[in-house]
Amino acid sequence: VIFLFLSLNARTNDKIKISVLTCSAGDELYSA
């Protein structure tokens, strides 16, 4: 059971995509 749980958890994390999103400047001062 422990092995299956860890395997499932590993496969779940392997399906995860992590990205950095970079947004251009805006017109407001706080978004400049």
PDB file of all heavy atoms in Angstrom:
ATOM      1  N   VAL A   1       0.835  -1.211   0.000  1.00  0.00           N
ATOM      2  CA  VAL A   1       0.000   0.000   0.000  1.00  0.00           C
ATOM      3  C   VAL A   1       0.864   1.252   0.000  1.00  0.00           C
ATOM      4  O   VAL A   1       0.612   2.207  -0.750  1.00  0.00           O
ATOM      5  CB  VAL A   1      -0.956  -0.001   1.219  1.00  0.00           C
ATOM      6  CG1 VAL A   1      -1.634   1.357   1.360  1.00  0.00           C
ATOM      7  CG2 VAL A   1      -1.997  -1.103   1.075  1.00  0.00           C
ATOM      8  N   ILE A   2       1.908   1.241   0.831  1.00  0.00           N
ATOM      9  CA  ILE A   2       2.821   2.379   0.892  1.00  0.00           C
ATOM     10  C   ILE A   2       3.503   2.594  -0.458  1.00  0.00           C
ATOM     11  O   ILE A   2       3.602   3.728  -0.970  1.00  0.00           O
ATOM     12  CB  ILE A   2       3.885   2.177   1.992  1.00  0.00           C
ATOM     13  CG1 ILE A   2       3.224   2.177   3.373  1.00  0.00           C
ATOM     14  CG2 ILE A   2       4.960   3.261   1.910  1.00  0.00           C
ATOM     15  CD1 ILE A   2       2.587   3.489   3.761  1.00  0.00           C
ATOM     16  N   PHE A   3       3.936   1.509  -1.086  1.00  0.00           N
ATOM     17  CA  PHE A   3       4.596   1.595  -2.392  1.00  0.00           C
ATOM     18  C   PHE A   3       3.665   2.171  -3.450  1.00  0.00           C
ATOM     19  O   PHE A   3       4.044   3.042  -4.231  1.00  0.00           O
ATOM     20  CB  PHE A   3       5.078   0.204  -2.806  1.00  0.00           C
ATOM     21  CG  PHE A   3       5.659   0.167  -4.193  1.00  0.00           C
ATOM     22  CD1 PHE A   3       6.925   0.668  -4.450  1.00  0.00           C
ATOM     23  CD2 PHE A   3       4.910  -0.341  -5.257  1.00  0.00           C
ATOM     24  CE1 PHE A   3       7.436   0.655  -5.730  1.00  0.00           C
ATOM     25  CE2 PHE A   3       5.424  -0.353  -6.537  1.00  0.00           C
ATOM     26  CZ  PHE A   3       6.701   0.149  -6.772  1.00  0.00           C
ATOM     27  N   LEU A   4       2.406   1.676  -3.447  1.00  0.00           N
ATOM     28  CA  LEU A   4       1.442   2.166  -4.423  1.00  0.00           C
ATOM     29  C   LEU A   4       1.124   3.637  -4.210  1.00  0.00           C
ATOM     30  O   LEU A   4       0.976   4.404  -5.166  1.00  0.00           O
ATOM     31  CB  LEU A   4       0.155   1.329  -4.357  1.00  0.00           C
ATOM     32  CG  LEU A   4       0.271  -0.107  -4.854  1.00  0.00           C
ATOM     33  CD1 LEU A   4      -1.021  -0.878  -4.562  1.00  0.00           C
ATOM     34  CD2 LEU A   4       0.589  -0.147  -6.347  1.00  0.00           C
ATOM     35  N   PHE A   5       1.024   4.034  -2.927  1.00  0.00           N
ATOM     36  CA  PHE A   5       0.735   5.447  -2.604  1.00  0.00           C
ATOM     37  C   PHE A   5       1.864   6.345  -3.096  1.00  0.00           C
ATOM     38  O   PHE A   5       1.633   7.387  -3.715  1.00  0.00           O
ATOM     39  CB  PHE A   5       0.550   5.619  -1.097  1.00  0.00           C
ATOM     40  CG  PHE A   5       0.395   7.054  -0.662  1.00  0.00           C
ATOM     41  CD1 PHE A   5      -0.801   7.726  -0.828  1.00  0.00           C
ATOM     42  CD2 PHE A   5       1.480   7.737  -0.098  1.00  0.00           C
ATOM     43  CE1 PHE A   5      -0.938   9.057  -0.447  1.00  0.00           C
ATOM     44  CE2 PHE A   5       1.347   9.054   0.275  1.00  0.00           C
ATOM     45  CZ  PHE A   5       0.141   9.706   0.108  1.00  0.00           C
ATOM     46  N   LEU A   6       3.103   5.948  -2.822  1.00  0.00           N
ATOM     47  CA  LEU A   6       4.245   6.755  -3.239  1.00  0.00           C
ATOM     48  C   LEU A   6       4.356   6.803  -4.754  1.00  0.00           C
ATOM     49  O   LEU A   6       4.678   7.841  -5.339  1.00  0.00           O
ATOM     50  CB  LEU A   6       5.537   6.199  -2.628  1.00  0.00           C
ATOM     51  CG  LEU A   6       5.667   6.321  -1.104  1.00  0.00           C
ATOM     52  CD1 LEU A   6       6.936   5.621  -0.608  1.00  0.00           C
ATOM     53  CD2 LEU A   6       5.687   7.787  -0.679  1.00  0.00           C
ATOM     54  N   SER A   7       4.059   5.684  -5.404  1.00  0.00           N
ATOM     55  CA  SER A   7       4.112   5.657  -6.863  1.00  0.00           C
ATOM     56  C   SER A   7       3.057   6.571  -7.464  1.00  0.00           C
ATOM     57  O   SER A   7       3.314   7.309  -8.414  1.00  0.00           O
ATOM     58  CB  SER A   7       3.894   4.224  -7.370  1.00  0.00           C
ATOM     59  OG  SER A   7       4.914   3.377  -6.887  1.00  0.00           O
ATOM     60  N   LEU A   8       1.854   6.526  -6.884  1.00  0.00           N
ATOM     61  CA  LEU A   8       0.777   7.386  -7.367  1.00  0.00           C
ATOM     62  C   LEU A   8       1.120   8.852  -7.161  1.00  0.00           C
ATOM     63  O   LEU A   8       0.901   9.691  -8.030  1.00  0.00           O
ATOM     64  CB  LEU A   8      -0.525   7.036  -6.646  1.00  0.00           C
ATOM     65  CG  LEU A   8      -1.757   7.881  -7.011  1.00  0.00           C
ATOM     66  CD1 LEU A   8      -2.090   7.697  -8.497  1.00  0.00           C
ATOM     67  CD2 LEU A   8      -2.942   7.498  -6.134  1.00  0.00           C
ATOM     68  N   ASN A   9       1.707   9.163  -5.985  1.00  0.00           N
ATOM     69  CA  ASN A   9       2.076  10.536  -5.677  1.00  0.00           C
ATOM     70  C   ASN A   9       3.162  11.036  -6.627  1.00  0.00           C
ATOM     71  O   ASN A   9       3.134  12.179  -7.095  1.00  0.00           O
ATOM     72  CB  ASN A   9       2.563  10.629  -4.226  1.00  0.00           C
ATOM     73  CG  ASN A   9       2.729  12.069  -3.767  1.00  0.00           C
ATOM     74  OD1 ASN A   9       1.815  12.857  -3.894  1.00  0.00           O
ATOM     75  ND2 ASN A   9       3.911  12.388  -3.251  1.00  0.00           N
ATOM     76  N   ALA A  10       4.111  10.147  -6.952  1.00  0.00           N
ATOM     77  CA  ALA A  10       5.189  10.523  -7.871  1.00  0.00           C
ATOM     78  C   ALA A  10       4.632  10.795  -9.262  1.00  0.00           C
ATOM     79  O   ALA A  10       5.016  11.754  -9.929  1.00  0.00           O
ATOM     80  CB  ALA A  10       6.242   9.425  -7.919  1.00  0.00           C
ATOM     81  N   ARG A  11       3.692   9.937  -9.716  1.00  0.00           N
ATOM     82  CA  ARG A  11       3.104  10.130 -11.030  1.00  0.00           C
ATOM     83  C   ARG A  11       2.289  11.419 -11.078  1.00  0.00           C
ATOM     84  O   ARG A  11       2.274  12.122 -12.083  1.00  0.00           O
ATOM     85  CB  ARG A  11       2.218   8.927 -11.408  1.00  0.00           C
ATOM     86  CG  ARG A  11       3.020   7.700 -11.824  1.00  0.00           C
ATOM     87  CD  ARG A  11       2.122   6.713 -12.571  1.00  0.00           C
ATOM     88  NE  ARG A  11       1.057   6.217 -11.723  1.00  0.00           N
ATOM     89  CZ  ARG A  11       1.156   5.126 -10.953  1.00  0.00           C
ATOM     90  NH1 ARG A  11       2.297   4.439 -10.917  1.00  0.00           N
ATOM     91  NH2 ARG A  11       0.136   4.713 -10.235  1.00  0.00           N
ATOM     92  N   THR A  12       1.608  11.725  -9.952  1.00  0.00           N
ATOM     93  CA  THR A  12       0.826  12.964  -9.884  1.00  0.00           C
ATOM     94  C   THR A  12       1.727  14.177 -10.030  1.00  0.00           C
ATOM     95  O   THR A  12       1.445  15.102 -10.798  1.00  0.00           O
ATOM     96  CB  THR A  12       0.054  13.043  -8.553  1.00  0.00           C
ATOM     97  OG1 THR A  12      -0.831  11.928  -8.474  1.00  0.00           O
ATOM     98  CG2 THR A  12      -0.738  14.333  -8.471  1.00  0.00           C
ATOM     99  N   ASN A  13       2.853  14.205  -9.290  1.00  0.00           N
ATOM    100  CA  ASN A  13       3.780  15.331  -9.372  1.00  0.00           C
ATOM    101  C   ASN A  13       4.428  15.412 -10.745  1.00  0.00           C
ATOM    102  O   ASN A  13       4.767  16.494 -11.225  1.00  0.00           O
ATOM    103  CB  ASN A  13       4.862  15.203  -8.289  1.00  0.00           C
ATOM    104  CG  ASN A  13       4.329  15.559  -6.901  1.00  0.00           C
ATOM    105  OD1 ASN A  13       3.698  16.586  -6.739  1.00  0.00           O
ATOM    106  ND2 ASN A  13       4.562  14.711  -5.931  1.00  0.00           N
ATOM    107  N   ASP A  14       4.607  14.243 -11.395  1.00  0.00           N
ATOM    108  CA  ASP A  14       5.208  14.239 -12.718  1.00  0.00           C
ATOM    109  C   ASP A  14       4.278  14.868 -13.748  1.00  0.00           C
ATOM    110  O   ASP A  14       4.723  15.327 -14.800  1.00  0.00           O
ATOM    111  CB  ASP A  14       5.547  12.803 -13.115  1.00  0.00           C
ATOM    112  CG  ASP A  14       6.519  12.772 -14.283  1.00  0.00           C
ATOM    113  OD1 ASP A  14       7.493  13.543 -14.251  1.00  0.00           O
ATOM    114  OD2 ASP A  14       6.289  11.996 -15.222  1.00  0.00           O
ATOM    115  N   LYS A  15       2.992  14.889 -13.462  1.00  0.00           N
ATOM    116  CA  LYS A  15       2.009  15.485 -14.360  1.00  0.00           C
ATOM    117  C   LYS A  15       1.883  17.004 -14.158  1.00  0.00           C
ATOM    118  O   LYS A  15       1.120  17.664 -14.840  1.00  0.00           O
ATOM    119  CB  LYS A  15       0.635  14.840 -14.147  1.00  0.00           C
ATOM    120  CG  LYS A  15       0.553  13.372 -14.545  1.00  0.00           C
ATOM    121  CD  LYS A  15       0.652  13.193 -16.051  1.00  0.00           C
ATOM    122  CE  LYS A  15       0.472  11.737 -16.451  1.00  0.00           C
ATOM    123  NZ  LYS A  15       0.587  11.546 -17.913  1.00  0.00           N
ATOM    124  N   ILE A  16       2.607  17.505 -13.187  1.00  0.00           N
ATOM    125  CA  ILE A  16       2.516  18.929 -12.868  1.00  0.00           C
ATOM    126  C   ILE A  16       3.485  19.726 -13.734  1.00  0.00           C
ATOM    127  O   ILE A  16       4.654  19.364 -13.878  1.00  0.00           O
ATOM    128  CB  ILE A  16       2.800  19.176 -11.378  1.00  0.00           C
ATOM    129  CG1 ILE A  16       1.653  18.635 -10.528  1.00  0.00           C
ATOM    130  CG2 ILE A  16       3.003  20.670 -11.100  1.00  0.00           C
ATOM    131  CD1 ILE A  16       1.881  18.753  -9.040  1.00  0.00           C
ATOM    132  N   LYS A  17       2.982  20.801 -14.302  1.00  0.00           N
ATOM    133  CA  LYS A  17       3.815  21.735 -15.066  1.00  0.00           C
ATOM    134  C   LYS A  17       3.921  23.030 -14.270  1.00  0.00           C
ATOM    135  O   LYS A  17       2.910  23.615 -13.883  1.00  0.00           O
ATOM    136  CB  LYS A  17       3.195  22.015 -16.434  1.00  0.00           C
ATOM    137  CG  LYS A  17       4.034  22.976 -17.278  1.00  0.00           C
ATOM    138  CD  LYS A  17       3.397  23.250 -18.642  1.00  0.00           C
ATOM    139  CE  LYS A  17       2.320  24.298 -18.542  1.00  0.00           C
ATOM    140  NZ  LYS A  17       1.873  24.775 -19.878  1.00  0.00           N
ATOM    141  N   ILE A  18       5.153  23.472 -14.026  1.00  0.00           N
ATOM    142  CA  ILE A  18       5.382  24.717 -13.289  1.00  0.00           C
ATOM    143  C   ILE A  18       6.043  25.718 -14.224  1.00  0.00           C
ATOM    144  O   ILE A  18       7.044  25.405 -14.884  1.00  0.00           O
ATOM    145  CB  ILE A  18       6.246  24.472 -12.041  1.00  0.00           C
ATOM    146  CG1 ILE A  18       5.508  23.548 -11.065  1.00  0.00           C
ATOM    147  CG2 ILE A  18       6.589  25.800 -11.366  1.00  0.00           C
ATOM    148  CD1 ILE A  18       6.269  23.232  -9.810  1.00  0.00           C
ATOM    149  N   SER A  19       5.461  26.906 -14.295  1.00  0.00           N
ATOM    150  CA  SER A  19       5.943  27.925 -15.232  1.00  0.00           C
ATOM    151  C   SER A  19       6.064  29.269 -14.530  1.00  0.00           C
ATOM    152  O   SER A  19       5.332  29.561 -13.578  1.00  0.00           O
ATOM    153  CB  SER A  19       4.989  28.075 -16.414  1.00  0.00           C
ATOM    154  OG  SER A  19       4.697  26.837 -17.007  1.00  0.00           O
ATOM    155  N   VAL A  20       6.982  30.074 -15.043  1.00  0.00           N
ATOM    156  CA  VAL A  20       7.078  31.478 -14.638  1.00  0.00           C
ATOM    157  C   VAL A  20       6.298  32.306 -15.649  1.00  0.00           C
ATOM    158  O   VAL A  20       6.495  32.170 -16.863  1.00  0.00           O
ATOM    159  CB  VAL A  20       8.545  31.937 -14.582  1.00  0.00           C
ATOM    160  CG1 VAL A  20       8.616  33.439 -14.278  1.00  0.00           C
ATOM    161  CG2 VAL A  20       9.310  31.153 -13.539  1.00  0.00           C
ATOM    162  N   LEU A  21       5.405  33.157 -15.147  1.00  0.00           N
ATOM    163  CA  LEU A  21       4.641  34.064 -16.002  1.00  0.00           C
ATOM    164  C   LEU A  21       5.193  35.478 -15.821  1.00  0.00           C
ATOM    165  O   LEU A  21       5.275  35.976 -14.700  1.00  0.00           O
ATOM    166  CB  LEU A  21       3.159  34.035 -15.632  1.00  0.00           C
ATOM    167  CG  LEU A  21       2.440  32.687 -15.760  1.00  0.00           C
ATOM    168  CD1 LEU A  21       1.000  32.812 -15.282  1.00  0.00           C
ATOM    169  CD2 LEU A  21       2.484  32.161 -17.188  1.00  0.00           C
ATOM    170  N   THR A  22       5.581  36.095 -16.924  1.00  0.00           N
ATOM    171  CA  THR A  22       6.102  37.462 -16.877  1.00  0.00           C
ATOM    172  C   THR A  22       5.159  38.373 -17.654  1.00  0.00           C
ATOM    173  O   THR A  22       4.894  38.129 -18.840  1.00  0.00           O
ATOM    174  CB  THR A  22       7.514  37.537 -17.488  1.00  0.00           C
ATOM    175  OG1 THR A  22       8.374  36.635 -16.781  1.00  0.00           O
ATOM    176  CG2 THR A  22       8.064  38.946 -17.387  1.00  0.00           C
ATOM    177  N   CYS A  23       4.667  39.394 -16.973  1.00  0.00           N
ATOM    178  CA  CYS A  23       3.705  40.327 -17.577  1.00  0.00           C
ATOM    179  C   CYS A  23       4.390  41.662 -17.840  1.00  0.00           C
ATOM    180  O   CYS A  23       5.189  42.129 -17.026  1.00  0.00           O
ATOM    181  CB  CYS A  23       2.504  40.532 -16.649  1.00  0.00           C
ATOM    182  SG  CYS A  23       1.728  38.985 -16.128  1.00  0.00           S
ATOM    183  N   SER A  24       4.045  42.267 -18.952  1.00  0.00           N
ATOM    184  CA  SER A  24       4.625  43.564 -19.297  1.00  0.00           C
ATOM    185  C   SER A  24       4.056  44.657 -18.390  1.00  0.00           C
ATOM    186  O   SER A  24       3.088  44.447 -17.659  1.00  0.00           O
ATOM    187  CB  SER A  24       4.351  43.897 -20.761  1.00  0.00           C
ATOM    188  OG  SER A  24       2.958  43.978 -20.994  1.00  0.00           O
ATOM    189  N   ALA A  25       4.663  45.832 -18.461  1.00  0.00           N
ATOM    190  CA  ALA A  25       4.258  46.954 -17.609  1.00  0.00           C
ATOM    191  C   ALA A  25       2.856  47.447 -17.972  1.00  0.00           C
ATOM    192  O   ALA A  25       2.422  47.341 -19.119  1.00  0.00           O
ATOM    193  CB  ALA A  25       5.266  48.084 -17.731  1.00  0.00           C
ATOM    194  N   GLY A  26       2.183  48.005 -16.969  1.00  0.00           N
ATOM    195  CA  GLY A  26       0.870  48.593 -17.175  1.00  0.00           C
ATOM    196  C   GLY A  26       0.926  50.111 -17.085  1.00  0.00           C
ATOM    197  O   GLY A  26       1.995  50.709 -16.923  1.00  0.00           O
ATOM    198  N   ASP A  27      -0.238  50.739 -17.161  1.00  0.00           N
ATOM    199  CA  ASP A  27      -0.305  52.206 -17.141  1.00  0.00           C
ATOM    200  C   ASP A  27      -0.308  52.783 -15.731  1.00  0.00           C
ATOM    201  O   ASP A  27       0.111  53.928 -15.524  1.00  0.00           O
ATOM    202  CB  ASP A  27      -1.565  52.680 -17.881  1.00  0.00           C
ATOM    203  CG  ASP A  27      -1.526  52.333 -19.362  1.00  0.00           C
ATOM    204  OD1 ASP A  27      -0.422  52.345 -19.923  1.00  0.00           O
ATOM    205  OD2 ASP A  27      -2.593  52.047 -19.934  1.00  0.00           O
ATOM    206  N   GLU A  28      -0.804  52.019 -14.755  1.00  0.00           N
ATOM    207  CA  GLU A  28      -0.876  52.517 -13.387  1.00  0.00           C
ATOM    208  C   GLU A  28       0.516  52.498 -12.750  1.00  0.00           C
ATOM    209  O   GLU A  28       1.386  51.717 -13.133  1.00  0.00           O
ATOM    210  CB  GLU A  28      -1.833  51.665 -12.555  1.00  0.00           C
ATOM    211  CG  GLU A  28      -3.246  51.588 -13.109  1.00  0.00           C
ATOM    212  CD  GLU A  28      -3.943  52.934 -13.122  1.00  0.00           C
ATOM    213  OE1 GLU A  28      -3.574  53.792 -12.299  1.00  0.00           O
ATOM    214  OE2 GLU A  28      -4.848  53.129 -13.938  1.00  0.00           O
ATOM    215  N   LEU A  29       0.701  53.353 -11.740  1.00  0.00           N
ATOM    216  CA  LEU A  29       1.999  53.458 -11.079  1.00  0.00           C
ATOM    217  C   LEU A  29       2.429  52.122 -10.492  1.00  0.00           C
ATOM    218  O   LEU A  29       3.589  51.709 -10.624  1.00  0.00           O
ATOM    219  CB  LEU A  29       1.934  54.528  -9.981  1.00  0.00           C
ATOM    220  CG  LEU A  29       3.218  54.745  -9.174  1.00  0.00           C
ATOM    221  CD1 LEU A  29       4.358  55.166 -10.093  1.00  0.00           C
ATOM    222  CD2 LEU A  29       2.989  55.793  -8.082  1.00  0.00           C
ATOM    223  N   TYR A  30       1.504  51.410  -9.843  1.00  0.00           N
ATOM    224  CA  TYR A  30       1.859  50.152  -9.180  1.00  0.00           C
ATOM    225  C   TYR A  30       2.184  49.035 -10.179  1.00  0.00           C
ATOM    226  O   TYR A  30       2.767  48.017  -9.810  1.00  0.00           O
ATOM    227  CB  TYR A  30       0.740  49.701  -8.233  1.00  0.00           C
ATOM    228  CG  TYR A  30      -0.578  49.389  -8.914  1.00  0.00           C
ATOM    229  CD1 TYR A  30      -0.811  48.144  -9.495  1.00  0.00           C
ATOM    230  CD2 TYR A  30      -1.594  50.338  -8.971  1.00  0.00           C
ATOM    231  CE1 TYR A  30      -2.014  47.865 -10.126  1.00  0.00           C
ATOM    232  CE2 TYR A  30      -2.797  50.063  -9.606  1.00  0.00           C
ATOM    233  CZ  TYR A  30      -2.994  48.822 -10.177  1.00  0.00           C
ATOM    234  OH  TYR A  30      -4.189  48.540 -10.801  1.00  0.00           O
ATOM    235  N   SER A  31       1.823  49.227 -11.452  1.00  0.00           N
ATOM    236  CA  SER A  31       2.093  48.202 -12.467  1.00  0.00           C
ATOM    237  C   SER A  31       3.180  48.635 -13.452  1.00  0.00           C
ATOM    238  O   SER A  31       3.392  47.987 -14.471  1.00  0.00           O
ATOM    239  CB  SER A  31       0.817  47.860 -13.231  1.00  0.00           C
ATOM    240  OG  SER A  31       0.331  48.985 -13.945  1.00  0.00           O
ATOM    241  N   ALA A  32       3.879  49.722 -13.127  1.00  0.00           N
ATOM    242  CA  ALA A  32       4.830  50.322 -14.076  1.00  0.00           C
ATOM    243  C   ALA A  32       6.050  49.450 -14.343  1.00  0.00           C
ATOM    244  O   ALA A  32       6.768  49.679 -15.321  1.00  0.00           O
ATOM    245  CB  ALA A  32       5.281  51.687 -13.557  1.00  0.00           C
TER     246      ALA A  32
END
